Amino acid sequence: MRNLLTGLDIGTSKVCALVAEASLEGDLAVIGHGVSPCSGLRKGVVVNIEATVEAIRAALDEAEKSSGVRIGSVVVGVAGPHIRGLNSHGIVAVRGGEVGARDVDRVIDAARAVAIPLDRQVLHILAQQFAVDDQEGVREPIGMAGVRLEARIHIVTAAQSYGQNLTKCCERAGITPAEMVFEPLASAEAALFPEERELGVALIDIGGGTTDIIVFHAGAVMHTAVLPLGGNHLTSDIAAGIRTPLADAERLKVSYGAATGQVVRRDEMVQVPGVGGREPKLIARRMLTDILEPRMEEILALAHREIMRSGVADSLASGIVLVGGTALLEGTQELAERIFGIPVRRGLPINLKGMPEELMKPMYTTAAGLLLCQGAARGLNGAAARYGRLGRLRTRLGDWVRDFF
């Protein structure tokens, strides 16, 4: 029987489905993919169920044709300004003088005992570090001698209605969402090196409707945030600024846009389609940059403010990694380095073997990461060791949430 996995990235501007097969050794290889434009979401939140269902169906049909398999269940990415992340802390007494698995479960239960509104659901509980007595920075406390066990965790929650609407869209498209994963967590799984997580790194995913942020230090998630700004705002700015239709504004942004005037020659010209049958006109490419640069500065400045809130901004030795479609905008790296004052690189889905060449782009990082997260939950790849505890905690918590609600 074939061991198949499917990741579904339902974004504001597109839906991407990736199908992979696991070998007997546990390695993943992409065997099919499908991409479809999506108009049913705004800022990462479903606003038109029919349009979202059609986009999901189109992406899945394309993925099924290219892979030659029938898709049944998928891991779905979750994003949107409704996402909230918070840090929590718990302490318990160790029974028997030696930390056991039951003690770890108890301290996680104590740490997650925070007031969460009934209209929200918990997506992830991410262990940051443990402390046994006065010994801090413990990664795996089981088997250690001590009388007091502490845990620091990061909890990611989402609006319950969002999850219900997303599940409804998937089911109407003929598939079952087996699990929902916070999209920056998936992107990090695909784009980051283990040493970057250890030294400290912030991943910024600039999508169509939102900008997602996740900060790592000492291998753990320290901060998460979602900003209600993205690439679609750049497109709208161009459409309003030079009076051209949104479709043409998007094409101009992708083909000629730049995040900073430092990378554009003053004599470059661009042809702009007219509105309502008017004649096309020539404008300086620098004019496009003058429209895009302030908005990009705003997005990156807000991201910088969120990273400062993480408490480890001064310890990000690995710098910033940019993913998402907007990361391809020329000059984005240079502008980000100017704003953050630390090294910046573009992220690609480098950790998924067998990724097709046409998908080795920043905008497909989330879909690749969803496959890796699903593979980790099944113990199929190198991520399993890192996320083994996360997988167990997520399963226990999922059962708890279902029982409670």
Protein backbone atom coordinates (compact mmCIF):
# COMPACT_ATOMS: atom_id res chain seq x y z
CA MET A 1 0.00 0.00 0.00
CA ARG A 2 1.38 3.42 -0.98
CA ASN A 3 2.13 5.88 1.81
CA LEU A 4 0.74 9.16 0.44
CA LEU A 5 0.65 12.62 2.00
CA THR A 6 -1.05 15.82 0.82
CA GLY A 7 -0.48 19.41 1.90
CA LEU A 8 -3.05 22.09 1.07
CA ASP A 9 -2.07 25.75 1.31
CA ILE A 10 -5.29 27.82 1.06
CA GLY A 11 -4.02 31.36 0.64
CA THR A 12 -5.57 34.72 -0.12
CA SER A 13 -4.31 34.75 -3.71
CA LYS A 14 -3.91 31.02 -4.54
CA VAL A 15 -4.56 27.46 -3.44
CA CYS A 16 -1.63 25.07 -3.74
CA ALA A 17 -1.91 21.29 -3.32
CA LEU A 18 1.21 19.11 -3.07
CA VAL A 19 1.12 15.30 -3.12
CA ALA A 20 4.11 13.29 -1.90
CA GLU A 21 4.88 9.60 -1.47
CA ALA A 22 7.03 8.22 1.34
CA SER A 23 9.61 5.57 0.53
CA LEU A 24 10.29 2.55 2.75
CA GLU A 25 13.21 4.53 4.21
CA GLY A 26 10.85 7.35 5.19
CA ASP A 27 12.02 9.89 2.58
CA LEU A 28 9.39 12.06 0.89
CA ALA A 29 9.22 12.69 -2.85
CA VAL A 30 6.71 15.04 -4.51
CA ILE A 31 4.71 13.17 -7.17
CA GLY A 32 2.11 15.78 -8.09
CA HIS A 33 0.96 19.34 -7.55
CA GLY A 34 -1.83 21.72 -8.44
CA VAL A 35 -2.15 25.50 -8.18
CA SER A 36 -5.31 27.54 -8.64
CA PRO A 37 -6.08 31.27 -8.21
CA CYS A 38 -8.34 31.97 -5.23
CA SER A 39 -10.71 34.89 -4.68
CA GLY A 40 -12.68 33.46 -1.76
CA LEU A 41 -10.42 34.70 1.05
CA ARG A 42 -9.61 38.16 2.34
CA LYS A 43 -6.61 38.61 4.61
CA GLY A 44 -6.41 34.84 5.01
CA VAL A 45 -10.05 34.47 6.16
CA VAL A 46 -12.84 32.79 4.17
CA VAL A 47 -15.33 35.40 2.92
CA ASN A 48 -16.83 33.45 -0.02
CA ILE A 49 -17.32 29.72 0.52
CA GLU A 50 -18.29 28.92 -3.08
CA ALA A 51 -15.24 30.64 -4.58
CA THR A 52 -12.96 28.95 -2.02
CA VAL A 53 -14.46 25.51 -2.72
CA GLU A 54 -13.98 25.98 -6.48
CA ALA A 55 -10.34 27.01 -6.01
CA ILE A 56 -9.69 24.00 -3.75
CA ARG A 57 -11.35 21.65 -6.26
CA ALA A 58 -9.33 23.06 -9.17
CA ALA A 59 -6.01 22.70 -7.30
CA LEU A 60 -6.87 19.16 -6.14
CA ASP A 61 -8.00 18.06 -9.62
CA GLU A 62 -4.72 19.28 -11.08
CA ALA A 63 -2.73 17.55 -8.31
CA GLU A 64 -4.64 14.28 -8.83
CA LYS A 65 -4.03 14.34 -12.58
CA SER A 66 -0.30 15.03 -12.22
CA SER A 67 0.17 12.42 -9.46
CA GLY A 68 -2.23 9.76 -10.74
CA VAL A 69 -3.66 9.19 -7.25
CA ARG A 70 -6.94 9.97 -5.51
CA ILE A 71 -6.64 12.51 -2.69
CA GLY A 72 -8.69 11.76 0.42
CA SER A 73 -7.31 13.58 3.48
CA VAL A 74 -5.02 16.61 3.66
CA VAL A 75 -3.08 18.74 6.10
CA VAL A 76 -4.33 22.33 5.77
CA GLY A 77 -2.43 25.53 6.48
CA VAL A 78 -4.04 28.12 8.75
CA ALA A 79 -3.33 31.87 8.70
CA GLY A 80 -5.12 35.18 9.19
CA PRO A 81 -5.17 38.10 11.66
CA HIS A 82 -7.38 36.03 14.00
CA ILE A 83 -4.33 33.91 14.95
CA ARG A 84 -2.93 34.67 18.41
CA GLY A 85 0.24 33.43 20.08
CA LEU A 86 1.09 33.62 23.78
CA ASN A 87 3.80 32.30 26.07
CA SER A 88 2.92 30.47 29.28
CA HIS A 89 4.71 28.86 32.22
CA GLY A 90 3.90 25.92 34.49
CA ILE A 91 5.45 24.25 37.58
CA VAL A 92 4.76 20.84 39.15
CA ALA A 93 6.37 18.65 41.82
CA VAL A 94 8.22 15.61 40.47
CA ARG A 95 6.89 12.30 41.75
CA GLY A 96 9.47 9.73 42.81
CA GLY A 97 12.50 12.00 42.49
CA GLU A 98 12.94 11.29 38.76
CA VAL A 99 11.18 13.05 35.87
CA GLY A 100 8.93 10.70 33.91
CA ALA A 101 6.66 11.12 30.88
CA ARG A 102 3.69 11.61 33.21
CA ASP A 103 5.46 14.51 34.94
CA VAL A 104 6.07 16.17 31.57
CA ASP A 105 2.38 15.79 30.67
CA ARG A 106 1.40 17.30 34.02
CA VAL A 107 3.68 20.32 33.68
CA ILE A 108 2.42 20.97 30.13
CA ASP A 109 -1.14 20.76 31.46
CA ALA A 110 -0.22 23.29 34.16
CA ALA A 111 1.38 25.64 31.62
CA ARG A 112 -1.58 25.53 29.23
CA ALA A 113 -4.08 26.29 32.01
CA VAL A 114 -4.61 29.85 30.81
CA ALA A 115 -7.91 31.61 30.12
CA ILE A 116 -8.74 31.08 26.43
CA PRO A 117 -12.09 32.46 25.17
CA LEU A 118 -14.69 29.85 24.18
CA ASP A 119 -14.78 31.19 20.60
CA ARG A 120 -11.13 30.22 20.08
CA GLN A 121 -9.45 26.86 19.53
CA VAL A 122 -5.89 25.80 20.28
CA LEU A 123 -3.84 24.93 17.19
CA HIS A 124 -0.47 24.13 18.75
CA ILE A 125 1.30 23.82 22.07
CA LEU A 126 5.02 24.30 21.41
CA ALA A 127 7.47 23.45 24.17
CA GLN A 128 10.19 26.10 24.52
CA GLN A 129 12.28 24.71 27.37
CA PHE A 130 12.10 22.87 30.67
CA ALA A 131 13.83 23.44 34.00
CA VAL A 132 14.55 20.75 36.60
CA ASP A 133 15.07 22.36 40.03
CA ASP A 134 17.57 25.17 39.30
CA GLN A 135 18.84 23.72 36.02
CA GLU A 136 17.34 25.69 33.14
CA GLY A 137 17.49 25.23 29.38
CA VAL A 138 16.62 21.51 29.49
CA ARG A 139 15.34 20.12 26.17
CA GLU A 140 14.39 16.59 27.26
CA PRO A 141 13.82 16.29 31.04
CA ILE A 142 12.69 12.64 31.15
CA GLY A 143 15.04 10.59 33.31
CA MET A 144 16.58 13.57 35.13
CA ALA A 145 16.66 13.60 38.95
CA GLY A 146 14.87 16.48 40.70
CA VAL A 147 11.93 17.56 42.82
CA ARG A 148 10.53 20.47 40.77
CA LEU A 149 9.79 20.58 37.02
CA GLU A 150 9.03 23.78 35.11
CA ALA A 151 7.96 24.25 31.50
CA ARG A 152 7.78 27.25 29.23
CA ILE A 153 5.50 26.84 26.23
CA HIS A 154 4.11 28.84 23.32
CA ILE A 155 0.39 28.43 22.60
CA VAL A 156 -1.07 29.25 19.15
CA THR A 157 -4.85 29.80 19.00
CA ALA A 158 -7.28 30.55 16.17
CA ALA A 159 -10.87 31.71 15.87
CA GLN A 160 -13.11 28.65 16.05
CA SER A 161 -15.41 29.95 13.29
CA TYR A 162 -12.44 30.18 10.93
CA GLY A 163 -11.57 26.53 11.44
CA GLN A 164 -15.22 25.55 10.95
CA ASN A 165 -15.51 27.50 7.68
CA LEU A 166 -12.22 26.11 6.37
CA THR A 167 -13.33 22.56 7.25
CA LYS A 168 -16.65 23.16 5.52
CA CYS A 169 -14.87 24.35 2.35
CA CYS A 170 -12.60 21.28 2.32
CA GLU A 171 -15.49 18.85 2.88
CA ARG A 172 -17.56 20.45 0.11
CA ALA A 173 -14.55 20.06 -2.17
CA GLY A 174 -14.56 16.33 -1.39
CA ILE A 175 -11.63 16.01 1.01
CA THR A 176 -11.12 15.62 4.76
CA PRO A 177 -8.81 18.02 6.66
CA ALA A 178 -6.87 15.60 8.88
CA GLU A 179 -5.02 18.39 10.66
CA MET A 180 -4.57 22.16 10.62
CA VAL A 181 -1.09 23.67 10.94
CA PHE A 182 -0.15 27.30 11.52
CA GLU A 183 1.37 28.31 8.18
CA PRO A 184 4.60 29.99 9.42
CA LEU A 185 5.37 26.82 11.40
CA ALA A 186 5.08 24.84 8.17
CA SER A 187 7.14 27.39 6.21
CA ALA A 188 9.87 27.22 8.85
CA GLU A 189 9.93 23.43 8.56
CA ALA A 190 10.60 23.72 4.81
CA ALA A 191 12.92 26.74 4.65
CA LEU A 192 15.06 26.89 7.82
CA PHE A 193 18.27 25.05 8.66
CA PRO A 194 18.53 23.47 12.15
CA GLU A 195 21.50 25.71 13.02
CA GLU A 196 19.43 28.81 12.21
CA ARG A 197 16.80 27.80 14.75
CA GLU A 198 19.50 27.26 17.35
CA LEU A 199 21.30 30.56 16.81
CA GLY A 200 18.09 32.58 16.48
CA VAL A 201 16.13 33.46 13.35
CA ALA A 202 12.89 35.18 12.37
CA LEU A 203 10.89 33.89 9.39
CA ILE A 204 8.61 36.43 7.71
CA ASP A 205 6.05 35.06 5.23
CA ILE A 206 4.68 37.92 3.10
CA GLY A 207 1.62 36.42 1.42
CA GLY A 208 -1.20 37.95 -0.59
CA GLY A 209 -3.39 39.11 2.29
CA THR A 210 -1.28 38.74 5.44
CA THR A 211 2.29 38.77 6.69
CA ASP A 212 3.04 35.91 9.09
CA ILE A 213 5.94 36.01 11.56
CA ILE A 214 7.58 33.28 13.62
CA VAL A 215 10.69 33.78 15.79
CA PHE A 216 13.01 30.95 16.87
CA HIS A 217 15.78 30.95 19.47
CA ALA A 218 17.63 27.99 20.98
CA GLY A 219 15.61 25.73 18.70
CA ALA A 220 12.23 26.83 20.13
CA VAL A 221 9.39 29.06 18.97
CA MET A 222 9.54 32.27 21.00
CA HIS A 223 6.94 34.45 19.24
CA THR A 224 4.28 34.29 16.53
CA ALA A 225 2.20 37.04 14.94
CA VAL A 226 0.06 37.79 11.88
CA LEU A 227 -0.16 41.24 10.27
CA PRO A 228 -3.23 42.12 8.12
CA LEU A 229 -1.04 43.42 5.27
CA GLY A 230 0.38 41.63 2.23
CA GLY A 231 1.12 41.66 -1.46
CA ASN A 232 -2.47 42.47 -2.46
CA HIS A 233 -2.10 45.84 -0.76
CA LEU A 234 0.87 46.58 -3.04
CA THR A 235 -1.27 45.69 -6.06
CA SER A 236 -4.10 47.98 -4.88
CA ASP A 237 -1.63 50.83 -4.34
CA ILE A 238 -0.38 50.50 -7.94
CA ALA A 239 -3.94 50.32 -9.34
CA ALA A 240 -4.90 53.51 -7.50
CA GLY A 241 -1.60 55.30 -8.04
CA ILE A 242 -1.36 54.93 -11.81
CA ARG A 243 -5.07 54.33 -12.56
CA THR A 244 -4.94 50.85 -14.06
CA PRO A 245 -7.08 47.70 -13.51
CA LEU A 246 -6.10 45.37 -10.65
CA ALA A 247 -5.13 42.54 -13.01
CA ASP A 248 -2.74 44.83 -14.89
CA ALA A 249 -1.46 46.27 -11.61
CA GLU A 250 -0.60 42.74 -10.42
CA ARG A 251 1.25 42.03 -13.69
CA LEU A 252 3.18 45.29 -13.40
CA LYS A 253 4.09 44.52 -9.80
CA VAL A 254 5.40 41.05 -10.64
CA SER A 255 7.23 42.05 -13.83
CA TYR A 256 8.57 45.52 -13.04
CA GLY A 257 7.98 46.24 -9.34
CA ALA A 258 10.79 46.89 -6.88
CA ALA A 259 10.78 47.40 -3.12
CA THR A 260 13.40 50.15 -3.20
CA GLY A 261 14.53 52.72 -5.73
CA GLN A 262 18.15 51.74 -5.12
CA VAL A 263 17.82 48.82 -7.56
CA VAL A 264 16.08 50.75 -10.39
CA ARG A 265 17.72 52.85 -13.12
CA ARG A 266 16.20 56.29 -13.65
CA ASP A 267 15.87 55.87 -17.43
CA GLU A 268 13.79 52.64 -17.31
CA MET A 269 10.28 52.99 -18.76
CA VAL A 270 7.19 50.74 -18.43
CA GLN A 271 4.03 50.56 -20.56
CA VAL A 272 0.82 50.77 -18.53
CA PRO A 273 -2.55 49.59 -19.95
CA GLY A 274 -5.29 52.21 -19.92
CA VAL A 275 -8.63 51.99 -18.10
CA GLY A 276 -11.96 51.87 -19.92
CA GLY A 277 -10.53 51.62 -23.42
CA ARG A 278 -8.08 54.49 -23.01
CA GLU A 279 -4.71 54.34 -24.74
CA PRO A 280 -1.80 52.72 -22.89
CA LYS A 281 0.82 55.10 -21.56
CA LEU A 282 4.52 55.02 -20.74
CA ILE A 283 5.68 55.77 -17.21
CA ALA A 284 9.07 55.65 -15.52
CA ARG A 285 9.67 52.38 -13.64
CA ARG A 286 10.85 54.58 -10.79
CA MET A 287 7.23 55.74 -10.41
CA LEU A 288 6.19 52.16 -9.59
CA THR A 289 8.95 51.99 -7.00
CA ASP A 290 7.83 55.27 -5.43
CA ILE A 291 4.39 53.66 -4.90
CA LEU A 292 5.67 50.29 -3.63
CA GLU A 293 8.51 51.37 -1.34
CA PRO A 294 6.41 53.14 1.35
CA ARG A 295 4.05 50.15 1.63
CA MET A 296 6.94 47.66 1.82
CA GLU A 297 8.58 49.84 4.46
CA GLU A 298 5.32 49.79 6.44
CA ILE A 299 5.03 45.98 6.27
CA LEU A 300 8.65 45.41 7.25
CA ALA A 301 8.55 48.06 10.00
CA LEU A 302 5.48 46.39 11.56
CA ALA A 303 7.25 43.03 11.31
CA HIS A 304 10.28 44.56 13.01
CA ARG A 305 8.08 45.80 15.85
CA GLU A 306 6.64 42.29 16.34
CA ILE A 307 10.11 40.75 16.37
CA MET A 308 11.18 43.27 19.02
CA ARG A 309 8.25 42.05 21.15
CA SER A 310 9.65 38.50 21.08
CA GLY A 311 12.29 39.41 23.67
CA VAL A 312 15.08 37.77 21.66
CA ALA A 313 15.47 40.36 18.89
CA ASP A 314 19.06 41.02 19.94
CA SER A 315 19.90 37.31 19.73
CA LEU A 316 18.89 36.58 16.12
CA ALA A 317 22.38 35.61 14.96
CA SER A 318 20.98 33.94 11.82
CA GLY A 319 19.05 37.07 10.81
CA ILE A 320 15.81 37.12 8.83
CA VAL A 321 14.41 34.66 6.27
CA LEU A 322 11.78 35.98 3.83
CA VAL A 323 9.26 33.66 2.15
CA GLY A 324 5.96 34.16 0.33
CA GLY A 325 5.33 35.53 -3.15
CA THR A 326 6.13 39.13 -2.23
CA ALA A 327 9.64 38.07 -1.17
CA LEU A 328 10.42 37.79 -4.91
CA LEU A 329 9.92 41.54 -5.38
CA GLU A 330 13.23 42.98 -6.50
CA GLY A 331 15.02 44.91 -3.78
CA THR A 332 13.07 43.33 -0.90
CA GLN A 333 16.23 41.85 0.61
CA GLU A 334 18.08 45.16 0.45
CA LEU A 335 15.18 47.08 2.01
CA ALA A 336 14.74 44.49 4.77
CA GLU A 337 18.46 44.60 5.66
CA ARG A 338 18.21 48.37 5.92
CA ILE A 339 15.20 48.19 8.27
CA PHE A 340 16.30 45.24 10.44
CA GLY A 341 20.03 45.91 10.45
CA ILE A 342 20.83 42.17 10.31
CA PRO A 343 21.42 39.69 7.43
CA VAL A 344 18.39 38.77 5.32
CA ARG A 345 17.94 35.90 2.85
CA ARG A 346 15.13 34.54 0.71
CA GLY A 347 13.76 31.21 1.86
CA LEU A 348 13.06 28.27 -0.46
CA PRO A 349 11.52 24.82 0.26
CA ILE A 350 15.01 23.30 0.55
CA ASN A 351 14.16 20.63 3.15
CA LEU A 352 11.71 18.70 0.95
CA LYS A 353 13.56 16.27 -1.32
CA GLY A 354 12.19 15.77 -4.82
CA MET A 355 10.56 19.20 -5.01
CA PRO A 356 9.93 20.03 -8.71
CA GLU A 357 12.17 22.78 -10.07
CA GLU A 358 9.19 25.02 -10.95
CA LEU A 359 8.07 24.91 -7.29
CA MET A 360 11.43 25.89 -5.80
CA LYS A 361 10.11 29.38 -5.07
CA PRO A 362 9.29 31.27 -1.84
CA MET A 363 5.52 31.12 -2.46
CA TYR A 364 5.47 27.29 -2.31
CA THR A 365 7.34 27.03 0.97
CA THR A 366 4.21 26.65 3.10
CA ALA A 367 2.77 23.79 1.02
CA ALA A 368 6.11 21.95 1.18
CA GLY A 369 6.27 22.50 4.95
CA LEU A 370 2.77 21.08 5.41
CA LEU A 371 3.98 17.82 3.82
CA LEU A 372 6.99 17.78 6.15
CA CYS A 373 4.80 18.37 9.22
CA GLN A 374 2.50 15.53 8.15
CA GLY A 375 5.52 13.31 7.56
CA ALA A 376 6.90 14.21 10.98
CA ALA A 377 3.63 13.24 12.65
CA ARG A 378 3.94 9.84 10.96
CA GLY A 379 7.62 9.51 11.85
CA LEU A 380 8.68 9.52 8.21
CA ASN A 381 11.51 12.05 8.05
CA GLY A 382 14.18 13.92 9.99
CA ALA A 383 11.63 16.38 11.35
CA ALA A 384 10.07 13.61 13.40
CA ALA A 385 12.75 13.83 16.07
CA ARG A 386 12.29 17.56 16.44
CA TYR A 387 8.50 17.53 16.42
CA GLY A 388 7.89 14.17 18.09
CA ARG A 389 6.87 15.79 21.38
CA LEU A 390 4.89 18.48 19.55
CA GLY A 391 2.99 15.77 17.69
CA ARG A 392 2.07 13.98 20.91
CA LEU A 393 1.03 17.19 22.62
CA ARG A 394 -1.05 18.24 19.63
CA THR A 395 -2.86 14.90 19.57
CA ARG A 396 -3.63 14.98 23.29
CA LEU A 397 -4.78 18.58 23.07
CA GLY A 398 -6.91 17.89 20.00
CA ASP A 399 -8.73 15.15 21.91
CA TRP A 400 -9.18 17.52 24.88
CA VAL A 401 -10.60 20.30 22.70
CA ARG A 402 -13.05 17.93 20.98
CA ASP A 403 -14.23 16.55 24.32
CA PHE A 404 -14.59 20.01 25.83
CA PHE A 405 -16.54 21.58 23.00
